Amino acid sequence: MGDTVVLKAGAYRFEARLETEAAPQTCAAILKLLPYRERIIHVRWSGEGLWIPLGTADFGIGYENHTSFPTPGQMLLYPGGISETEMLLAYGAVHFKSKMGQLAGNHFLTVTSPLEDLAKLGRMVLWEGAQPLEISRD
């Protein structure tokens, strides 16, 4: 089982790796939520990414393995602060930000396959709207 999870979004299924060495606190917080189910929407400010707004949710963690420029397949958790708590999944070029300005989120998960379906998922969410998302051990 290890650090492997399954991410199902819309009509797509992805295999992913939890970044437990680089973001241990974030991964531990996420593991407590599994299976995690929510809806994803397209980002407003950041480019080619999918977004889960989490409002005032407090995961009790700070920054670790954080970035403002995730590559396709990287999923971030912004633990809150100058903007609301949120998750972001990059499917293309992303500069993570909000109406408050640039943000940095904890890179806690990396989609490993099939990467070619990420852009298809991104276009689906952009043109068809919110899609169900599930992160689980499958």
N, C-alpha and C. Protein backbone atom coordinates (compact mmCIF):
# COMPACT_ATOMS: atom_id res chain seq x y z
N MET A 1 0.84 -1.19 0.00
CA MET A 1 0.00 0.00 0.00
C MET A 1 0.88 1.25 0.00
N GLY A 2 1.79 1.37 0.96
CA GLY A 2 2.77 2.45 0.99
C GLY A 2 2.19 3.83 0.86
N ASP A 3 2.77 4.61 -0.03
CA ASP A 3 2.39 6.00 -0.22
C ASP A 3 1.48 6.19 -1.42
N THR A 4 0.92 5.12 -1.95
CA THR A 4 0.10 5.19 -3.15
C THR A 4 -1.36 5.41 -2.81
N VAL A 5 -1.99 6.31 -3.57
CA VAL A 5 -3.42 6.56 -3.45
C VAL A 5 -4.01 6.62 -4.86
N VAL A 6 -5.32 6.58 -4.90
CA VAL A 6 -6.05 6.71 -6.15
C VAL A 6 -6.85 8.00 -6.09
N LEU A 7 -6.81 8.75 -7.16
CA LEU A 7 -7.57 9.98 -7.28
C LEU A 7 -8.56 9.78 -8.42
N LYS A 8 -9.85 9.86 -8.10
CA LYS A 8 -10.89 9.75 -9.12
C LYS A 8 -11.53 11.12 -9.24
N ALA A 9 -11.62 11.61 -10.47
CA ALA A 9 -12.19 12.93 -10.70
C ALA A 9 -12.94 12.93 -12.02
N GLY A 10 -14.21 13.34 -11.96
CA GLY A 10 -15.02 13.29 -13.17
C GLY A 10 -15.03 11.87 -13.68
N ALA A 11 -14.73 11.69 -14.96
CA ALA A 11 -14.71 10.38 -15.59
C ALA A 11 -13.33 9.73 -15.55
N TYR A 12 -12.40 10.30 -14.82
CA TYR A 12 -11.00 9.86 -14.87
C TYR A 12 -10.55 9.23 -13.56
N ARG A 13 -9.57 8.33 -13.69
CA ARG A 13 -8.96 7.68 -12.54
C ARG A 13 -7.45 7.83 -12.67
N PHE A 14 -6.82 8.27 -11.60
CA PHE A 14 -5.37 8.50 -11.60
C PHE A 14 -4.73 7.76 -10.44
N GLU A 15 -3.52 7.29 -10.65
CA GLU A 15 -2.70 6.78 -9.57
C GLU A 15 -1.84 7.94 -9.10
N ALA A 16 -1.60 7.99 -7.80
CA ALA A 16 -0.84 9.12 -7.24
C ALA A 16 0.01 8.65 -6.07
N ARG A 17 1.02 9.45 -5.78
CA ARG A 17 1.95 9.18 -4.68
C ARG A 17 1.83 10.29 -3.65
N LEU A 18 1.67 9.92 -2.40
CA LEU A 18 1.73 10.90 -1.32
C LEU A 18 3.19 11.25 -1.07
N GLU A 19 3.47 12.52 -0.88
CA GLU A 19 4.84 13.00 -0.66
C GLU A 19 5.14 12.99 0.84
N THR A 20 5.15 11.78 1.43
CA THR A 20 5.24 11.65 2.88
C THR A 20 6.58 12.11 3.46
N GLU A 21 7.66 11.99 2.70
CA GLU A 21 8.95 12.45 3.22
C GLU A 21 9.08 13.96 3.18
N ALA A 22 8.59 14.58 2.11
CA ALA A 22 8.73 16.03 1.95
C ALA A 22 7.64 16.82 2.69
N ALA A 23 6.48 16.21 2.87
CA ALA A 23 5.35 16.90 3.53
C ALA A 23 4.65 15.96 4.50
N PRO A 24 5.36 15.51 5.54
CA PRO A 24 4.79 14.51 6.45
C PRO A 24 3.55 14.97 7.21
N GLN A 25 3.54 16.21 7.67
CA GLN A 25 2.38 16.70 8.44
C GLN A 25 1.15 16.84 7.55
N THR A 26 1.35 17.34 6.34
CA THR A 26 0.24 17.51 5.41
C THR A 26 -0.31 16.15 5.01
N CYS A 27 0.56 15.21 4.69
CA CYS A 27 0.11 13.86 4.30
C CYS A 27 -0.64 13.20 5.46
N ALA A 28 -0.14 13.34 6.68
CA ALA A 28 -0.83 12.75 7.83
C ALA A 28 -2.23 13.33 7.99
N ALA A 29 -2.35 14.64 7.79
CA ALA A 29 -3.67 15.29 7.88
C ALA A 29 -4.61 14.78 6.79
N ILE A 30 -4.10 14.60 5.59
CA ILE A 30 -4.91 14.11 4.47
C ILE A 30 -5.30 12.66 4.70
N LEU A 31 -4.38 11.83 5.18
CA LEU A 31 -4.67 10.42 5.41
C LEU A 31 -5.82 10.23 6.40
N LYS A 32 -5.94 11.13 7.36
CA LYS A 32 -7.04 11.06 8.33
C LYS A 32 -8.40 11.26 7.66
N LEU A 33 -8.41 11.92 6.50
CA LEU A 33 -9.66 12.23 5.81
C LEU A 33 -10.11 11.14 4.84
N LEU A 34 -9.20 10.20 4.53
CA LEU A 34 -9.52 9.21 3.48
C LEU A 34 -10.61 8.25 3.90
N PRO A 35 -11.50 7.89 3.01
CA PRO A 35 -11.60 8.42 1.64
C PRO A 35 -12.14 9.85 1.67
N TYR A 36 -11.46 10.73 0.95
CA TYR A 36 -11.84 12.15 0.89
C TYR A 36 -12.70 12.37 -0.35
N ARG A 37 -13.87 12.94 -0.15
CA ARG A 37 -14.78 13.21 -1.26
C ARG A 37 -15.21 14.67 -1.23
N GLU A 38 -15.11 15.30 -2.39
CA GLU A 38 -15.49 16.70 -2.54
C GLU A 38 -15.76 16.95 -4.01
N ARG A 39 -16.05 18.17 -4.36
CA ARG A 39 -16.17 18.54 -5.77
C ARG A 39 -15.03 19.48 -6.11
N ILE A 40 -14.54 19.37 -7.34
CA ILE A 40 -13.49 20.28 -7.80
C ILE A 40 -14.09 21.25 -8.81
N ILE A 41 -13.58 22.46 -8.77
CA ILE A 41 -13.97 23.49 -9.74
C ILE A 41 -12.69 24.04 -10.35
N HIS A 42 -12.85 24.84 -11.40
CA HIS A 42 -11.67 25.43 -12.03
C HIS A 42 -11.19 26.61 -11.20
N VAL A 43 -9.87 26.80 -11.15
CA VAL A 43 -9.30 27.93 -10.39
C VAL A 43 -9.76 29.26 -10.98
N ARG A 44 -9.74 30.28 -10.17
CA ARG A 44 -10.13 31.62 -10.61
C ARG A 44 -8.93 32.44 -11.08
N TRP A 45 -7.82 32.36 -10.34
CA TRP A 45 -6.71 33.28 -10.55
C TRP A 45 -5.43 32.61 -11.02
N SER A 46 -5.30 31.31 -10.87
CA SER A 46 -4.00 30.65 -10.93
C SER A 46 -3.60 30.05 -12.26
N GLY A 47 -4.47 29.98 -13.24
CA GLY A 47 -4.09 29.37 -14.52
C GLY A 47 -4.78 28.05 -14.76
N GLU A 48 -3.98 27.03 -15.08
CA GLU A 48 -4.53 25.72 -15.45
C GLU A 48 -4.50 24.78 -14.24
N GLY A 49 -5.47 24.98 -13.38
CA GLY A 49 -5.55 24.19 -12.16
C GLY A 49 -6.98 23.97 -11.73
N LEU A 50 -7.15 23.00 -10.87
CA LEU A 50 -8.45 22.65 -10.31
C LEU A 50 -8.40 22.94 -8.82
N TRP A 51 -9.53 23.30 -8.26
CA TRP A 51 -9.55 23.94 -6.96
C TRP A 51 -10.62 23.35 -6.07
N ILE A 52 -10.29 23.22 -4.79
CA ILE A 52 -11.26 22.85 -3.77
C ILE A 52 -11.18 23.93 -2.68
N PRO A 53 -12.15 24.85 -2.64
CA PRO A 53 -12.15 25.85 -1.57
C PRO A 53 -12.57 25.18 -0.25
N LEU A 54 -11.83 25.45 0.81
CA LEU A 54 -12.10 24.82 2.10
C LEU A 54 -12.44 25.82 3.19
N GLY A 55 -12.62 27.08 2.81
CA GLY A 55 -13.06 28.10 3.78
C GLY A 55 -12.13 28.24 4.96
N THR A 56 -12.69 28.06 6.15
CA THR A 56 -11.93 28.27 7.38
C THR A 56 -11.39 26.96 7.97
N ALA A 57 -11.40 25.88 7.20
CA ALA A 57 -10.88 24.60 7.70
C ALA A 57 -9.46 24.78 8.23
N ASP A 58 -9.19 24.17 9.37
CA ASP A 58 -7.87 24.29 10.00
C ASP A 58 -7.28 22.89 10.15
N PHE A 59 -6.23 22.61 9.40
CA PHE A 59 -5.58 21.31 9.45
C PHE A 59 -4.49 21.26 10.52
N GLY A 60 -4.24 22.37 11.19
CA GLY A 60 -3.24 22.41 12.25
C GLY A 60 -1.82 22.24 11.77
N ILE A 61 -1.56 22.65 10.54
CA ILE A 61 -0.21 22.52 9.97
C ILE A 61 0.24 23.87 9.41
N GLY A 62 1.52 23.99 9.21
CA GLY A 62 2.09 25.18 8.58
C GLY A 62 2.64 24.81 7.22
N TYR A 63 3.60 25.59 6.78
CA TYR A 63 4.20 25.34 5.48
C TYR A 63 5.23 24.20 5.54
N GLU A 64 5.20 23.35 4.53
CA GLU A 64 6.23 22.33 4.32
C GLU A 64 6.16 21.94 2.85
N ASN A 65 7.31 21.83 2.21
CA ASN A 65 7.38 21.46 0.80
C ASN A 65 6.47 22.35 -0.05
N HIS A 66 6.46 23.63 0.25
CA HIS A 66 5.51 24.55 -0.39
C HIS A 66 6.07 25.17 -1.67
N THR A 67 5.15 25.48 -2.56
CA THR A 67 5.49 26.07 -3.85
C THR A 67 4.35 26.95 -4.34
N SER A 68 4.68 27.90 -5.17
CA SER A 68 3.69 28.72 -5.87
C SER A 68 3.57 28.31 -7.32
N PHE A 69 4.46 27.43 -7.78
CA PHE A 69 4.50 27.04 -9.19
C PHE A 69 4.49 25.51 -9.33
N PRO A 70 3.36 24.87 -8.99
CA PRO A 70 3.31 23.41 -9.14
C PRO A 70 3.33 22.99 -10.60
N THR A 71 3.90 21.84 -10.85
CA THR A 71 3.89 21.29 -12.20
C THR A 71 2.66 20.40 -12.36
N PRO A 72 2.29 20.08 -13.61
CA PRO A 72 1.11 19.24 -13.82
C PRO A 72 1.19 17.93 -13.03
N GLY A 73 0.12 17.66 -12.30
CA GLY A 73 0.05 16.47 -11.49
C GLY A 73 0.33 16.70 -10.02
N GLN A 74 0.86 17.86 -9.68
CA GLN A 74 1.13 18.16 -8.27
C GLN A 74 -0.12 18.75 -7.61
N MET A 75 -0.44 18.23 -6.42
CA MET A 75 -1.58 18.72 -5.66
C MET A 75 -1.06 19.42 -4.41
N LEU A 76 -1.61 20.59 -4.14
CA LEU A 76 -1.17 21.42 -3.02
C LEU A 76 -2.29 21.59 -2.02
N LEU A 77 -1.91 21.79 -0.76
CA LEU A 77 -2.83 22.22 0.28
C LEU A 77 -2.31 23.55 0.81
N TYR A 78 -3.10 24.59 0.66
CA TYR A 78 -2.77 25.88 1.26
C TYR A 78 -3.43 25.86 2.63
N PRO A 79 -2.64 25.92 3.72
CA PRO A 79 -3.21 25.74 5.06
C PRO A 79 -3.94 26.96 5.62
N GLY A 80 -4.10 27.99 4.84
CA GLY A 80 -4.80 29.18 5.31
C GLY A 80 -3.81 30.25 5.76
N GLY A 81 -4.35 31.42 6.00
CA GLY A 81 -3.51 32.54 6.41
C GLY A 81 -4.03 33.81 5.79
N ILE A 82 -3.42 34.25 4.68
CA ILE A 82 -3.88 35.48 4.03
C ILE A 82 -5.09 35.25 3.14
N SER A 83 -5.39 33.99 2.86
CA SER A 83 -6.54 33.62 2.05
C SER A 83 -7.16 32.39 2.70
N GLU A 84 -8.28 31.93 2.16
CA GLU A 84 -8.94 30.76 2.73
C GLU A 84 -8.11 29.49 2.52
N THR A 85 -8.37 28.49 3.33
CA THR A 85 -7.76 27.19 3.16
C THR A 85 -8.27 26.59 1.86
N GLU A 86 -7.38 25.94 1.10
CA GLU A 86 -7.80 25.40 -0.19
C GLU A 86 -6.83 24.34 -0.67
N MET A 87 -7.30 23.53 -1.63
CA MET A 87 -6.45 22.58 -2.33
C MET A 87 -6.43 22.97 -3.80
N LEU A 88 -5.34 22.64 -4.46
CA LEU A 88 -5.19 22.93 -5.88
C LEU A 88 -4.49 21.76 -6.55
N LEU A 89 -5.01 21.33 -7.70
CA LEU A 89 -4.38 20.30 -8.51
C LEU A 89 -4.01 20.93 -9.85
N ALA A 90 -2.73 20.99 -10.14
CA ALA A 90 -2.26 21.57 -11.40
C ALA A 90 -2.43 20.57 -12.54
N TYR A 91 -2.99 21.05 -13.67
CA TYR A 91 -3.04 20.21 -14.87
C TYR A 91 -2.27 20.84 -16.01
N GLY A 92 -1.78 22.04 -15.83
CA GLY A 92 -0.99 22.77 -16.82
C GLY A 92 -0.18 23.83 -16.09
N ALA A 93 0.04 24.96 -16.76
CA ALA A 93 0.83 26.05 -16.18
C ALA A 93 0.05 26.72 -15.05
N VAL A 94 0.66 26.80 -13.87
CA VAL A 94 0.01 27.38 -12.70
C VAL A 94 0.97 28.34 -11.99
N HIS A 95 0.43 29.48 -11.62
CA HIS A 95 1.07 30.42 -10.69
C HIS A 95 0.04 30.60 -9.59
N PHE A 96 0.21 29.90 -8.49
CA PHE A 96 -0.79 29.82 -7.43
C PHE A 96 -0.98 31.17 -6.76
N LYS A 97 -2.23 31.66 -6.84
CA LYS A 97 -2.54 32.94 -6.22
C LYS A 97 -4.02 33.04 -5.95
N SER A 98 -4.38 34.09 -5.23
CA SER A 98 -5.77 34.39 -4.90
C SER A 98 -5.99 35.88 -5.12
N LYS A 99 -7.16 36.35 -4.79
CA LYS A 99 -7.40 37.79 -4.92
C LYS A 99 -6.52 38.58 -3.95
N MET A 100 -5.93 37.89 -2.97
CA MET A 100 -5.04 38.54 -2.01
C MET A 100 -3.60 38.60 -2.52
N GLY A 101 -3.30 37.86 -3.61
CA GLY A 101 -1.95 37.82 -4.15
C GLY A 101 -1.40 36.41 -4.21
N GLN A 102 -0.10 36.31 -4.40
CA GLN A 102 0.56 35.01 -4.56
C GLN A 102 0.44 34.18 -3.28
N LEU A 103 0.20 32.88 -3.47
CA LEU A 103 0.14 31.93 -2.37
C LEU A 103 1.17 30.84 -2.60
N ALA A 104 1.51 30.12 -1.55
CA ALA A 104 2.34 28.92 -1.64
C ALA A 104 1.61 27.82 -0.90
N GLY A 105 1.46 26.69 -1.56
CA GLY A 105 0.77 25.56 -0.95
C GLY A 105 1.72 24.39 -0.76
N ASN A 106 1.37 23.53 0.19
CA ASN A 106 2.18 22.36 0.50
C ASN A 106 1.94 21.28 -0.56
N HIS A 107 2.98 20.93 -1.29
CA HIS A 107 2.90 19.87 -2.29
C HIS A 107 2.89 18.54 -1.54
N PHE A 108 1.71 17.89 -1.51
CA PHE A 108 1.56 16.67 -0.73
C PHE A 108 1.24 15.44 -1.56
N LEU A 109 0.89 15.61 -2.83
CA LEU A 109 0.48 14.49 -3.68
C LEU A 109 0.94 14.75 -5.10
N THR A 110 1.39 13.68 -5.78
CA THR A 110 1.79 13.78 -7.18
C THR A 110 1.10 12.69 -7.98
N VAL A 111 0.34 13.10 -8.99
CA VAL A 111 -0.27 12.14 -9.90
C VAL A 111 0.85 11.50 -10.72
N THR A 112 0.85 10.17 -10.76
CA THR A 112 1.90 9.45 -11.49
C THR A 112 1.41 8.88 -12.81
N SER A 113 0.12 8.58 -12.93
CA SER A 113 -0.41 8.09 -14.21
C SER A 113 -1.94 8.10 -14.19
N PRO A 114 -2.58 8.22 -15.29
CA PRO A 114 -2.06 8.62 -16.60
C PRO A 114 -2.02 10.15 -16.71
N LEU A 115 -0.83 10.70 -16.80
CA LEU A 115 -0.66 12.16 -16.84
C LEU A 115 -1.36 12.81 -18.03
N GLU A 116 -1.47 12.09 -19.15
CA GLU A 116 -2.11 12.67 -20.34
C GLU A 116 -3.59 12.97 -20.12
N ASP A 117 -4.21 12.37 -19.11
CA ASP A 117 -5.62 12.64 -18.85
C ASP A 117 -5.86 13.88 -17.99
N LEU A 118 -4.81 14.43 -17.37
CA LEU A 118 -4.98 15.62 -16.54
C LEU A 118 -5.54 16.80 -17.33
N ALA A 119 -4.98 17.06 -18.50
CA ALA A 119 -5.46 18.19 -19.32
C ALA A 119 -6.90 17.95 -19.76
N LYS A 120 -7.25 16.69 -20.04
CA LYS A 120 -8.64 16.37 -20.41
C LYS A 120 -9.58 16.67 -19.24
N LEU A 121 -9.17 16.29 -18.05
CA LEU A 121 -9.96 16.59 -16.85
C LEU A 121 -10.09 18.10 -16.67
N GLY A 122 -8.99 18.81 -16.84
CA GLY A 122 -9.02 20.27 -16.69
C GLY A 122 -10.00 20.92 -17.64
N ARG A 123 -9.98 20.51 -18.90
CA ARG A 123 -10.93 21.07 -19.88
C ARG A 123 -12.37 20.70 -19.54
N MET A 124 -12.57 19.48 -19.04
CA MET A 124 -13.91 19.06 -18.65
C MET A 124 -14.46 19.96 -17.54
N VAL A 125 -13.63 20.21 -16.53
CA VAL A 125 -14.08 21.05 -15.41
C VAL A 125 -14.30 22.49 -15.88
N LEU A 126 -13.42 22.98 -16.74
CA LEU A 126 -13.57 24.34 -17.25
C LEU A 126 -14.87 24.52 -18.01
N TRP A 127 -15.20 23.58 -18.90
CA TRP A 127 -16.35 23.74 -19.78
C TRP A 127 -17.64 23.11 -19.27
N GLU A 128 -17.52 22.10 -18.40
CA GLU A 128 -18.73 21.43 -17.92
C GLU A 128 -19.05 21.72 -16.46
N GLY A 129 -18.13 22.35 -15.76
CA GLY A 129 -18.39 22.71 -14.37
C GLY A 129 -17.85 21.70 -13.36
N ALA A 130 -18.28 21.89 -12.11
CA ALA A 130 -17.79 21.10 -10.99
C ALA A 130 -17.92 19.60 -11.25
N GLN A 131 -16.92 18.87 -10.80
CA GLN A 131 -16.89 17.41 -10.94
C GLN A 131 -16.59 16.77 -9.59
N PRO A 132 -17.12 15.56 -9.38
CA PRO A 132 -16.81 14.88 -8.13
C PRO A 132 -15.34 14.47 -8.09
N LEU A 133 -14.77 14.48 -6.88
CA LEU A 133 -13.39 14.08 -6.67
C LEU A 133 -13.37 13.14 -5.48
N GLU A 134 -12.54 12.11 -5.58
CA GLU A 134 -12.33 11.21 -4.45
C GLU A 134 -10.86 10.85 -4.39
N ILE A 135 -10.29 10.94 -3.21
CA ILE A 135 -8.93 10.46 -2.95
C ILE A 135 -9.08 9.31 -1.98
N SER A 136 -8.54 8.14 -2.34
CA SER A 136 -8.71 6.97 -1.49
C SER A 136 -7.53 6.03 -1.64
N ARG A 137 -7.50 5.03 -0.78
CA ARG A 137 -6.50 3.97 -0.88
C ARG A 137 -6.95 2.94 -1.91
N ASP A 138 -8.19 3.05 -2.39
CA ASP A 138 -8.83 2.17 -3.39
C ASP A 138 -8.88 0.81 -2.87
